[in-house]
mmCIF file of all heavy atoms, coordinates in Angstrom:
data_MODEL
# 
_entry.id   MODEL 
# 
loop_
_atom_site.group_PDB 
_atom_site.id 
_atom_site.type_symbol 
_atom_site.label_atom_id 
_atom_site.label_alt_id 
_atom_site.label_comp_id 
_atom_site.label_asym_id 
_atom_site.label_entity_id 
_atom_site.label_seq_id 
_atom_site.pdbx_PDB_ins_code 
_atom_site.Cartn_x 
_atom_site.Cartn_y 
_atom_site.Cartn_z 
_atom_site.occupancy 
_atom_site.B_iso_or_equiv 
_atom_site.pdbx_formal_charge 
_atom_site.auth_seq_id 
_atom_site.auth_comp_id 
_atom_site.auth_asym_id 
_atom_site.auth_atom_id 
_atom_site.pdbx_PDB_model_num 
ATOM 1   N N   . LYS A 1 1  ? 120.371 78.039 66.417 1.00 0.00 ? 1  LYS A N   1 
ATOM 2   C CA  . LYS A 1 1  ? 119.491 78.179 65.263 1.00 0.00 ? 1  LYS A CA  1 
ATOM 3   C C   . LYS A 1 1  ? 118.428 77.090 65.281 1.00 0.00 ? 1  LYS A C   1 
ATOM 4   O O   . LYS A 1 1  ? 118.696 75.958 65.658 1.00 0.00 ? 1  LYS A O   1 
ATOM 5   C CB  . LYS A 1 1  ? 120.298 78.132 63.966 1.00 0.00 ? 1  LYS A CB  1 
ATOM 6   C CG  . LYS A 1 1  ? 121.290 79.288 63.839 1.00 0.00 ? 1  LYS A CG  1 
ATOM 7   C CD  . LYS A 1 1  ? 122.009 79.259 62.499 1.00 0.00 ? 1  LYS A CD  1 
ATOM 8   C CE  . LYS A 1 1  ? 122.957 80.450 62.376 1.00 0.00 ? 1  LYS A CE  1 
ATOM 9   N NZ  . LYS A 1 1  ? 123.634 80.479 61.057 1.00 0.00 ? 1  LYS A NZ  1 
ATOM 10  N N   . LEU A 1 2  ? 117.231 77.458 64.842 1.00 0.00 ? 2  LEU A N   1 
ATOM 11  C CA  . LEU A 1 2  ? 116.083 76.562 64.891 1.00 0.00 ? 2  LEU A CA  1 
ATOM 12  C C   . LEU A 1 2  ? 115.771 76.002 63.511 1.00 0.00 ? 2  LEU A C   1 
ATOM 13  O O   . LEU A 1 2  ? 115.684 76.746 62.534 1.00 0.00 ? 2  LEU A O   1 
ATOM 14  C CB  . LEU A 1 2  ? 114.859 77.324 65.419 1.00 0.00 ? 2  LEU A CB  1 
ATOM 15  C CG  . LEU A 1 2  ? 113.494 76.614 65.311 1.00 0.00 ? 2  LEU A CG  1 
ATOM 16  C CD1 . LEU A 1 2  ? 113.461 75.349 66.173 1.00 0.00 ? 2  LEU A CD1 1 
ATOM 17  C CD2 . LEU A 1 2  ? 112.360 77.560 65.697 1.00 0.00 ? 2  LEU A CD2 1 
ATOM 18  N N   . THR A 1 3  ? 115.597 74.685 63.448 1.00 0.00 ? 3  THR A N   1 
ATOM 19  C CA  . THR A 1 3  ? 115.042 74.028 62.270 1.00 0.00 ? 3  THR A CA  1 
ATOM 20  C C   . THR A 1 3  ? 113.749 73.353 62.690 1.00 0.00 ? 3  THR A C   1 
ATOM 21  O O   . THR A 1 3  ? 113.708 72.646 63.697 1.00 0.00 ? 3  THR A O   1 
ATOM 22  C CB  . THR A 1 3  ? 116.007 72.976 61.693 1.00 0.00 ? 3  THR A CB  1 
ATOM 23  O OG1 . THR A 1 3  ? 117.226 73.618 61.313 1.00 0.00 ? 3  THR A OG1 1 
ATOM 24  C CG2 . THR A 1 3  ? 115.395 72.298 60.469 1.00 0.00 ? 3  THR A CG2 1 
ATOM 25  N N   . CYS A 1 4  ? 112.711 73.581 61.905 1.00 0.00 ? 4  CYS A N   1 
ATOM 26  C CA  . CYS A 1 4  ? 111.398 73.011 62.224 1.00 0.00 ? 4  CYS A CA  1 
ATOM 27  C C   . CYS A 1 4  ? 110.846 72.297 61.007 1.00 0.00 ? 4  CYS A C   1 
ATOM 28  O O   . CYS A 1 4  ? 110.751 72.880 59.926 1.00 0.00 ? 4  CYS A O   1 
ATOM 29  C CB  . CYS A 1 4  ? 110.436 74.117 62.669 1.00 0.00 ? 4  CYS A CB  1 
ATOM 30  S SG  . CYS A 1 4  ? 108.771 73.519 63.062 1.00 0.00 ? 4  CYS A SG  1 
ATOM 31  N N   . TRP A 1 5  ? 110.501 71.028 61.189 1.00 0.00 ? 5  TRP A N   1 
ATOM 32  C CA  . TRP A 1 5  ? 109.833 70.245 60.153 1.00 0.00 ? 5  TRP A CA  1 
ATOM 33  C C   . TRP A 1 5  ? 108.329 70.306 60.415 1.00 0.00 ? 5  TRP A C   1 
ATOM 34  O O   . TRP A 1 5  ? 107.870 69.993 61.513 1.00 0.00 ? 5  TRP A O   1 
ATOM 35  C CB  . TRP A 1 5  ? 110.291 68.798 60.184 1.00 0.00 ? 5  TRP A CB  1 
ATOM 36  C CG  . TRP A 1 5  ? 111.713 68.587 59.731 1.00 0.00 ? 5  TRP A CG  1 
ATOM 37  C CD1 . TRP A 1 5  ? 112.126 68.237 58.487 1.00 0.00 ? 5  TRP A CD1 1 
ATOM 38  C CD2 . TRP A 1 5  ? 112.917 68.696 60.528 1.00 0.00 ? 5  TRP A CD2 1 
ATOM 39  N NE1 . TRP A 1 5  ? 113.507 68.115 58.456 1.00 0.00 ? 5  TRP A NE1 1 
ATOM 40  C CE2 . TRP A 1 5  ? 114.014 68.391 59.694 1.00 0.00 ? 5  TRP A CE2 1 
ATOM 41  C CE3 . TRP A 1 5  ? 113.168 69.029 61.862 1.00 0.00 ? 5  TRP A CE3 1 
ATOM 42  C CZ2 . TRP A 1 5  ? 115.334 68.401 60.147 1.00 0.00 ? 5  TRP A CZ2 1 
ATOM 43  C CZ3 . TRP A 1 5  ? 114.476 69.049 62.323 1.00 0.00 ? 5  TRP A CZ3 1 
ATOM 44  C CH2 . TRP A 1 5  ? 115.542 68.735 61.463 1.00 0.00 ? 5  TRP A CH2 1 
ATOM 45  N N   . SER A 1 6  ? 107.569 70.686 59.396 1.00 0.00 ? 6  SER A N   1 
ATOM 46  C CA  . SER A 1 6  ? 106.144 70.924 59.604 1.00 0.00 ? 6  SER A CA  1 
ATOM 47  C C   . SER A 1 6  ? 105.373 70.664 58.317 1.00 0.00 ? 6  SER A C   1 
ATOM 48  O O   . SER A 1 6  ? 105.920 70.798 57.210 1.00 0.00 ? 6  SER A O   1 
ATOM 49  C CB  . SER A 1 6  ? 105.915 72.373 60.056 1.00 0.00 ? 6  SER A CB  1 
ATOM 50  O OG  . SER A 1 6  ? 104.536 72.714 60.048 1.00 0.00 ? 6  SER A OG  1 
ATOM 51  N N   . ALA A 1 7  ? 104.096 70.327 58.448 1.00 0.00 ? 7  ALA A N   1 
ATOM 52  C CA  . ALA A 1 7  ? 103.192 70.205 57.300 1.00 0.00 ? 7  ALA A CA  1 
ATOM 53  C C   . ALA A 1 7  ? 102.455 71.509 57.037 1.00 0.00 ? 7  ALA A C   1 
ATOM 54  O O   . ALA A 1 7  ? 101.425 71.515 56.355 1.00 0.00 ? 7  ALA A O   1 
ATOM 55  C CB  . ALA A 1 7  ? 102.196 69.073 57.542 1.00 0.00 ? 7  ALA A CB  1 
ATOM 56  N N   . SER A 1 8  ? 102.980 72.604 57.549 1.00 0.00 ? 8  SER A N   1 
ATOM 57  C CA  . SER A 1 8  ? 102.338 73.912 57.380 1.00 0.00 ? 8  SER A CA  1 
ATOM 58  C C   . SER A 1 8  ? 102.135 74.248 55.910 1.00 0.00 ? 8  SER A C   1 
ATOM 59  O O   . SER A 1 8  ? 102.998 73.999 55.068 1.00 0.00 ? 8  SER A O   1 
ATOM 60  C CB  . SER A 1 8  ? 103.202 74.997 58.033 1.00 0.00 ? 8  SER A CB  1 
ATOM 61  O OG  . SER A 1 8  ? 102.778 76.283 57.651 1.00 0.00 ? 8  SER A OG  1 
ATOM 62  N N   . GLN A 1 9  ? 101.005 74.868 55.609 1.00 0.00 ? 9  GLN A N   1 
ATOM 63  C CA  . GLN A 1 9  ? 100.742 75.360 54.259 1.00 0.00 ? 9  GLN A CA  1 
ATOM 64  C C   . GLN A 1 9  ? 101.422 76.704 54.018 1.00 0.00 ? 9  GLN A C   1 
ATOM 65  O O   . GLN A 1 9  ? 101.313 77.264 52.924 1.00 0.00 ? 9  GLN A O   1 
ATOM 66  C CB  . GLN A 1 9  ? 99.236  75.516 54.028 1.00 0.00 ? 9  GLN A CB  1 
ATOM 67  C CG  . GLN A 1 9  ? 98.577  76.549 54.893 1.00 0.00 ? 9  GLN A CG  1 
ATOM 68  C CD  . GLN A 1 9  ? 97.162  76.896 54.476 1.00 0.00 ? 9  GLN A CD  1 
ATOM 69  O OE1 . GLN A 1 9  ? 96.636  77.906 54.882 1.00 0.00 ? 9  GLN A OE1 1 
ATOM 70  N NE2 . GLN A 1 9  ? 96.512  76.058 53.687 1.00 0.00 ? 9  GLN A NE2 1 
ATOM 71  N N   . ALA A 1 10 ? 102.133 77.202 55.037 1.00 0.00 ? 10 ALA A N   1 
ATOM 72  C CA  . ALA A 1 10 ? 102.745 78.533 54.935 1.00 0.00 ? 10 ALA A CA  1 
ATOM 73  C C   . ALA A 1 10 ? 104.057 78.536 55.712 1.00 0.00 ? 10 ALA A C   1 
ATOM 74  O O   . ALA A 1 10 ? 104.206 79.247 56.705 1.00 0.00 ? 10 ALA A O   1 
ATOM 75  C CB  . ALA A 1 10 ? 101.790 79.598 55.475 1.00 0.00 ? 10 ALA A CB  1 
ATOM 76  N N   . THR A 1 11 ? 105.024 77.749 55.254 1.00 0.00 ? 11 THR A N   1 
ATOM 77  C CA  . THR A 1 11 ? 106.271 77.621 56.016 1.00 0.00 ? 11 THR A CA  1 
ATOM 78  C C   . THR A 1 11 ? 107.023 78.948 56.116 1.00 0.00 ? 11 THR A C   1 
ATOM 79  O O   . THR A 1 11 ? 107.679 79.213 57.124 1.00 0.00 ? 11 THR A O   1 
ATOM 80  C CB  . THR A 1 11 ? 107.184 76.560 55.389 1.00 0.00 ? 11 THR A CB  1 
ATOM 81  O OG1 . THR A 1 11 ? 107.289 76.790 53.970 1.00 0.00 ? 11 THR A OG1 1 
ATOM 82  C CG2 . THR A 1 11 ? 106.650 75.162 55.621 1.00 0.00 ? 11 THR A CG2 1 
ATOM 83  N N   . HIS A 1 12 ? 106.939 79.780 55.090 1.00 0.00 ? 12 HIS A N   1 
ATOM 84  C CA  . HIS A 1 12 ? 107.642 81.071 55.158 1.00 0.00 ? 12 HIS A CA  1 
ATOM 85  C C   . HIS A 1 12 ? 107.002 81.971 56.213 1.00 0.00 ? 12 HIS A C   1 
ATOM 86  O O   . HIS A 1 12 ? 107.710 82.693 56.928 1.00 0.00 ? 12 HIS A O   1 
ATOM 87  C CB  . HIS A 1 12 ? 107.634 81.739 53.781 1.00 0.00 ? 12 HIS A CB  1 
ATOM 88  C CG  . HIS A 1 12 ? 108.556 81.081 52.803 1.00 0.00 ? 12 HIS A CG  1 
ATOM 89  N ND1 . HIS A 1 12 ? 109.886 81.408 52.691 1.00 0.00 ? 12 HIS A ND1 1 
ATOM 90  C CD2 . HIS A 1 12 ? 108.343 80.082 51.903 1.00 0.00 ? 12 HIS A CD2 1 
ATOM 91  C CE1 . HIS A 1 12 ? 110.451 80.665 51.754 1.00 0.00 ? 12 HIS A CE1 1 
ATOM 92  N NE2 . HIS A 1 12 ? 109.533 79.852 51.259 1.00 0.00 ? 12 HIS A NE2 1 
ATOM 93  N N   . ASN A 1 13 ? 105.677 81.949 56.322 1.00 0.00 ? 13 ASN A N   1 
ATOM 94  C CA  . ASN A 1 13 ? 105.020 82.704 57.384 1.00 0.00 ? 13 ASN A CA  1 
ATOM 95  C C   . ASN A 1 13 ? 105.296 82.089 58.746 1.00 0.00 ? 13 ASN A C   1 
ATOM 96  O O   . ASN A 1 13 ? 105.497 82.800 59.739 1.00 0.00 ? 13 ASN A O   1 
ATOM 97  C CB  . ASN A 1 13 ? 103.515 82.755 57.144 1.00 0.00 ? 13 ASN A CB  1 
ATOM 98  C CG  . ASN A 1 13 ? 103.135 83.762 56.078 1.00 0.00 ? 13 ASN A CG  1 
ATOM 99  O OD1 . ASN A 1 13 ? 103.993 84.380 55.457 1.00 0.00 ? 13 ASN A OD1 1 
ATOM 100 N ND2 . ASN A 1 13 ? 101.842 83.919 55.848 1.00 0.00 ? 13 ASN A ND2 1 
ATOM 101 N N   . LEU A 1 14 ? 105.287 80.761 58.822 1.00 0.00 ? 14 LEU A N   1 
ATOM 102 C CA  . LEU A 1 14 ? 105.593 80.088 60.083 1.00 0.00 ? 14 LEU A CA  1 
ATOM 103 C C   . LEU A 1 14 ? 106.984 80.463 60.569 1.00 0.00 ? 14 LEU A C   1 
ATOM 104 O O   . LEU A 1 14 ? 107.198 80.694 61.767 1.00 0.00 ? 14 LEU A O   1 
ATOM 105 C CB  . LEU A 1 14 ? 105.485 78.572 59.904 1.00 0.00 ? 14 LEU A CB  1 
ATOM 106 C CG  . LEU A 1 14 ? 105.889 77.711 61.096 1.00 0.00 ? 14 LEU A CG  1 
ATOM 107 C CD1 . LEU A 1 14 ? 105.030 78.016 62.320 1.00 0.00 ? 14 LEU A CD1 1 
ATOM 108 C CD2 . LEU A 1 14 ? 105.813 76.227 60.747 1.00 0.00 ? 14 LEU A CD2 1 
ATOM 109 N N   . ARG A 1 15 ? 107.921 80.523 59.653 1.00 0.00 ? 15 ARG A N   1 
ATOM 110 C CA  . ARG A 1 15 ? 109.285 80.937 60.012 1.00 0.00 ? 15 ARG A CA  1 
ATOM 111 C C   . ARG A 1 15 ? 109.283 82.298 60.700 1.00 0.00 ? 15 ARG A C   1 
ATOM 112 O O   . ARG A 1 15 ? 109.933 82.491 61.734 1.00 0.00 ? 15 ARG A O   1 
ATOM 113 C CB  . ARG A 1 15 ? 110.133 80.981 58.733 1.00 0.00 ? 15 ARG A CB  1 
ATOM 114 C CG  . ARG A 1 15 ? 111.564 81.418 58.932 1.00 0.00 ? 15 ARG A CG  1 
ATOM 115 C CD  . ARG A 1 15 ? 112.197 81.738 57.582 1.00 0.00 ? 15 ARG A CD  1 
ATOM 116 N NE  . ARG A 1 15 ? 113.607 82.009 57.698 1.00 0.00 ? 15 ARG A NE  1 
ATOM 117 C CZ  . ARG A 1 15 ? 114.311 82.744 56.827 1.00 0.00 ? 15 ARG A CZ  1 
ATOM 118 N NH1 . ARG A 1 15 ? 113.690 83.273 55.774 1.00 0.00 ? 15 ARG A NH1 1 
ATOM 119 N NH2 . ARG A 1 15 ? 115.594 82.947 57.004 1.00 0.00 ? 15 ARG A NH2 1 
ATOM 120 N N   . LYS A 1 16 ? 108.530 83.237 60.132 1.00 0.00 ? 16 LYS A N   1 
ATOM 121 C CA  . LYS A 1 16 ? 108.460 84.577 60.712 1.00 0.00 ? 16 LYS A CA  1 
ATOM 122 C C   . LYS A 1 16 ? 107.800 84.542 62.091 1.00 0.00 ? 16 LYS A C   1 
ATOM 123 O O   . LYS A 1 16 ? 108.232 85.247 63.016 1.00 0.00 ? 16 LYS A O   1 
ATOM 124 C CB  . LYS A 1 16 ? 107.688 85.504 59.786 1.00 0.00 ? 16 LYS A CB  1 
ATOM 125 C CG  . LYS A 1 16 ? 108.347 85.701 58.422 1.00 0.00 ? 16 LYS A CG  1 
ATOM 126 C CD  . LYS A 1 16 ? 107.404 86.378 57.428 1.00 0.00 ? 16 LYS A CD  1 
ATOM 127 C CE  . LYS A 1 16 ? 107.980 86.369 56.020 1.00 0.00 ? 16 LYS A CE  1 
ATOM 128 N NZ  . LYS A 1 16 ? 107.018 86.862 55.010 1.00 0.00 ? 16 LYS A NZ  1 
ATOM 129 N N   . GLN A 1 17 ? 106.758 83.729 62.228 1.00 0.00 ? 17 GLN A N   1 
ATOM 130 C CA  . GLN A 1 17 ? 106.064 83.657 63.512 1.00 0.00 ? 17 GLN A CA  1 
ATOM 131 C C   . GLN A 1 17 ? 106.934 83.027 64.597 1.00 0.00 ? 17 GLN A C   1 
ATOM 132 O O   . GLN A 1 17 ? 106.925 83.476 65.747 1.00 0.00 ? 17 GLN A O   1 
ATOM 133 C CB  . GLN A 1 17 ? 104.766 82.869 63.355 1.00 0.00 ? 17 GLN A CB  1 
ATOM 134 C CG  . GLN A 1 17 ? 103.675 83.622 62.611 1.00 0.00 ? 17 GLN A CG  1 
ATOM 135 C CD  . GLN A 1 17 ? 102.343 82.917 62.704 1.00 0.00 ? 17 GLN A CD  1 
ATOM 136 O OE1 . GLN A 1 17 ? 102.102 81.937 62.002 1.00 0.00 ? 17 GLN A OE1 1 
ATOM 137 N NE2 . GLN A 1 17 ? 101.468 83.397 63.569 1.00 0.00 ? 17 GLN A NE2 1 
ATOM 138 N N   . LEU A 1 18 ? 107.663 81.967 64.243 1.00 0.00 ? 18 LEU A N   1 
ATOM 139 C CA  . LEU A 1 18 ? 108.545 81.331 65.225 1.00 0.00 ? 18 LEU A CA  1 
ATOM 140 C C   . LEU A 1 18 ? 109.672 82.275 65.621 1.00 0.00 ? 18 LEU A C   1 
ATOM 141 O O   . LEU A 1 18 ? 110.054 82.345 66.800 1.00 0.00 ? 18 LEU A O   1 
ATOM 142 C CB  . LEU A 1 18 ? 109.108 80.033 64.661 1.00 0.00 ? 18 LEU A CB  1 
ATOM 143 C CG  . LEU A 1 18 ? 108.099 78.902 64.430 1.00 0.00 ? 18 LEU A CG  1 
ATOM 144 C CD1 . LEU A 1 18 ? 108.784 77.696 63.794 1.00 0.00 ? 18 LEU A CD1 1 
ATOM 145 C CD2 . LEU A 1 18 ? 107.422 78.489 65.745 1.00 0.00 ? 18 LEU A CD2 1 
ATOM 146 N N   . ALA A 1 19 ? 110.221 83.003 64.650 1.00 0.00 ? 19 ALA A N   1 
ATOM 147 C CA  . ALA A 1 19 ? 111.275 83.970 64.965 1.00 0.00 ? 19 ALA A CA  1 
ATOM 148 C C   . ALA A 1 19 ? 110.750 85.050 65.903 1.00 0.00 ? 19 ALA A C   1 
ATOM 149 O O   . ALA A 1 19 ? 111.430 85.445 66.869 1.00 0.00 ? 19 ALA A O   1 
ATOM 150 C CB  . ALA A 1 19 ? 111.810 84.585 63.682 1.00 0.00 ? 19 ALA A CB  1 
ATOM 151 N N   . LEU A 1 20 ? 109.530 85.522 65.644 1.00 0.00 ? 20 LEU A N   1 
ATOM 152 C CA  . LEU A 1 20 ? 108.930 86.541 66.508 1.00 0.00 ? 20 LEU A CA  1 
ATOM 153 C C   . LEU A 1 20 ? 108.691 85.985 67.904 1.00 0.00 ? 20 LEU A C   1 
ATOM 154 O O   . LEU A 1 20 ? 109.046 86.623 68.916 1.00 0.00 ? 20 LEU A O   1 
ATOM 155 C CB  . LEU A 1 20 ? 107.616 87.014 65.889 1.00 0.00 ? 20 LEU A CB  1 
ATOM 156 C CG  . LEU A 1 20 ? 106.779 88.000 66.709 1.00 0.00 ? 20 LEU A CG  1 
ATOM 157 C CD1 . LEU A 1 20 ? 107.517 89.316 66.890 1.00 0.00 ? 20 LEU A CD1 1 
ATOM 158 C CD2 . LEU A 1 20 ? 105.421 88.238 66.027 1.00 0.00 ? 20 LEU A CD2 1 
ATOM 159 N N   . MET A 1 21 ? 108.094 84.809 67.996 1.00 0.00 ? 21 MET A N   1 
ATOM 160 C CA  . MET A 1 21 ? 107.768 84.223 69.296 1.00 0.00 ? 21 MET A CA  1 
ATOM 161 C C   . MET A 1 21 ? 109.015 83.992 70.140 1.00 0.00 ? 21 MET A C   1 
ATOM 162 O O   . MET A 1 21 ? 109.020 84.245 71.354 1.00 0.00 ? 21 MET A O   1 
ATOM 163 C CB  . MET A 1 21 ? 107.030 82.902 69.098 1.00 0.00 ? 21 MET A CB  1 
ATOM 164 C CG  . MET A 1 21 ? 106.639 82.209 70.402 1.00 0.00 ? 21 MET A CG  1 
ATOM 165 S SD  . MET A 1 21 ? 105.787 80.626 70.153 1.00 0.00 ? 21 MET A SD  1 
ATOM 166 C CE  . MET A 1 21 ? 107.178 79.575 69.720 1.00 0.00 ? 21 MET A CE  1 
ATOM 167 N N   . LEU A 1 22 ? 110.092 83.530 69.518 1.00 0.00 ? 22 LEU A N   1 
ATOM 168 C CA  . LEU A 1 22 ? 111.304 83.162 70.248 1.00 0.00 ? 22 LEU A CA  1 
ATOM 169 C C   . LEU A 1 22 ? 112.353 84.262 70.259 1.00 0.00 ? 22 LEU A C   1 
ATOM 170 O O   . LEU A 1 22 ? 113.456 84.059 70.764 1.00 0.00 ? 22 LEU A O   1 
ATOM 171 C CB  . LEU A 1 22 ? 111.894 81.894 69.638 1.00 0.00 ? 22 LEU A CB  1 
ATOM 172 C CG  . LEU A 1 22 ? 110.983 80.665 69.687 1.00 0.00 ? 22 LEU A CG  1 
ATOM 173 C CD1 . LEU A 1 22 ? 111.569 79.528 68.860 1.00 0.00 ? 22 LEU A CD1 1 
ATOM 174 C CD2 . LEU A 1 22 ? 110.745 80.221 71.121 1.00 0.00 ? 22 LEU A CD2 1 
ATOM 175 N N   . SER A 1 23 ? 112.017 85.417 69.687 1.00 0.00 ? 23 SER A N   1 
ATOM 176 C CA  . SER A 1 23 ? 112.940 86.562 69.616 1.00 0.00 ? 23 SER A CA  1 
ATOM 177 C C   . SER A 1 23 ? 114.260 86.168 68.962 1.00 0.00 ? 23 SER A C   1 
ATOM 178 O O   . SER A 1 23 ? 115.355 86.484 69.448 1.00 0.00 ? 23 SER A O   1 
ATOM 179 C CB  . SER A 1 23 ? 113.184 87.143 71.019 1.00 0.00 ? 23 SER A CB  1 
ATOM 180 O OG  . SER A 1 23 ? 111.979 87.603 71.576 1.00 0.00 ? 23 SER A OG  1 
ATOM 181 N N   . LEU A 1 24 ? 114.157 85.467 67.844 1.00 0.00 ? 24 LEU A N   1 
ATOM 182 C CA  . LEU A 1 24 ? 115.321 85.033 67.083 1.00 0.00 ? 24 LEU A CA  1 
ATOM 183 C C   . LEU A 1 24 ? 115.433 85.848 65.796 1.00 0.00 ? 24 LEU A C   1 
ATOM 184 O O   . LEU A 1 24 ? 114.423 86.252 65.223 1.00 0.00 ? 24 LEU A O   1 
ATOM 185 C CB  . LEU A 1 24 ? 115.207 83.557 66.708 1.00 0.00 ? 24 LEU A CB  1 
ATOM 186 C CG  . LEU A 1 24 ? 115.285 82.520 67.831 1.00 0.00 ? 24 LEU A CG  1 
ATOM 187 C CD1 . LEU A 1 24 ? 114.935 81.136 67.278 1.00 0.00 ? 24 LEU A CD1 1 
ATOM 188 C CD2 . LEU A 1 24 ? 116.669 82.521 68.457 1.00 0.00 ? 24 LEU A CD2 1 
ATOM 189 N N   . PRO A 1 25 ? 116.655 86.072 65.307 1.00 0.00 ? 25 PRO A N   1 
ATOM 190 C CA  . PRO A 1 25 ? 116.782 86.673 63.971 1.00 0.00 ? 25 PRO A CA  1 
ATOM 191 C C   . PRO A 1 25 ? 116.142 85.752 62.935 1.00 0.00 ? 25 PRO A C   1 
ATOM 192 O O   . PRO A 1 25 ? 116.250 84.525 63.041 1.00 0.00 ? 25 PRO A O   1 
ATOM 193 C CB  . PRO A 1 25 ? 118.302 86.771 63.770 1.00 0.00 ? 25 PRO A CB  1 
ATOM 194 C CG  . PRO A 1 25 ? 118.897 86.670 65.138 1.00 0.00 ? 25 PRO A CG  1 
ATOM 195 C CD  . PRO A 1 25 ? 117.965 85.810 65.939 1.00 0.00 ? 25 PRO A CD  1 
ATOM 196 N N   . LEU A 1 26 ? 115.510 86.315 61.938 1.00 0.00 ? 26 LEU A N   1 
ATOM 197 C CA  . LEU A 1 26 ? 114.818 85.511 60.937 1.00 0.00 ? 26 LEU A CA  1 
ATOM 198 C C   . LEU A 1 26 ? 115.770 84.528 60.261 1.00 0.00 ? 26 LEU A C   1 
ATOM 199 O O   . LEU A 1 26 ? 115.395 83.387 59.970 1.00 0.00 ? 26 LEU A O   1 
ATOM 200 C CB  . LEU A 1 26 ? 114.171 86.420 59.895 1.00 0.00 ? 26 LEU A CB  1 
ATOM 201 C CG  . LEU A 1 26 ? 113.255 85.746 58.874 1.00 0.00 ? 26 LEU A CG  1 
ATOM 202 C CD1 . LEU A 1 26 ? 112.071 85.074 59.560 1.00 0.00 ? 26 LEU A CD1 1 
ATOM 203 C CD2 . LEU A 1 26 ? 112.760 86.757 57.844 1.00 0.00 ? 26 LEU A CD2 1 
ATOM 204 N N   . GLU A 1 27 ? 117.009 84.953 60.045 1.00 0.00 ? 27 GLU A N   1 
ATOM 205 C CA  . GLU A 1 27 ? 117.967 84.082 59.360 1.00 0.00 ? 27 GLU A CA  1 
ATOM 206 C C   . GLU A 1 27 ? 118.379 82.877 60.203 1.00 0.00 ? 27 GLU A C   1 
ATOM 207 O O   . GLU A 1 27 ? 118.999 81.934 59.690 1.00 0.00 ? 27 GLU A O   1 
ATOM 208 C CB  . GLU A 1 27 ? 119.214 84.872 58.949 1.00 0.00 ? 27 GLU A CB  1 
ATOM 209 C CG  . GLU A 1 27 ? 119.955 85.545 60.086 1.00 0.00 ? 27 GLU A CG  1 
ATOM 210 C CD  . GLU A 1 27 ? 119.479 86.974 60.346 1.00 0.00 ? 27 GLU A CD  1 
ATOM 211 O OE1 . GLU A 1 27 ? 118.333 87.303 59.955 1.00 0.00 ? 27 GLU A OE1 1 
ATOM 212 O OE2 . GLU A 1 27 ? 120.267 87.743 60.929 1.00 0.00 ? 27 GLU A OE2 1 
# 
């Protein structure tokens, strides 16, 4: 499972993008 610390203004969208890029389940 991935945890990412970021200053993103859209962490919920970033979560979806990282899951898509890495082919990981969103959860």
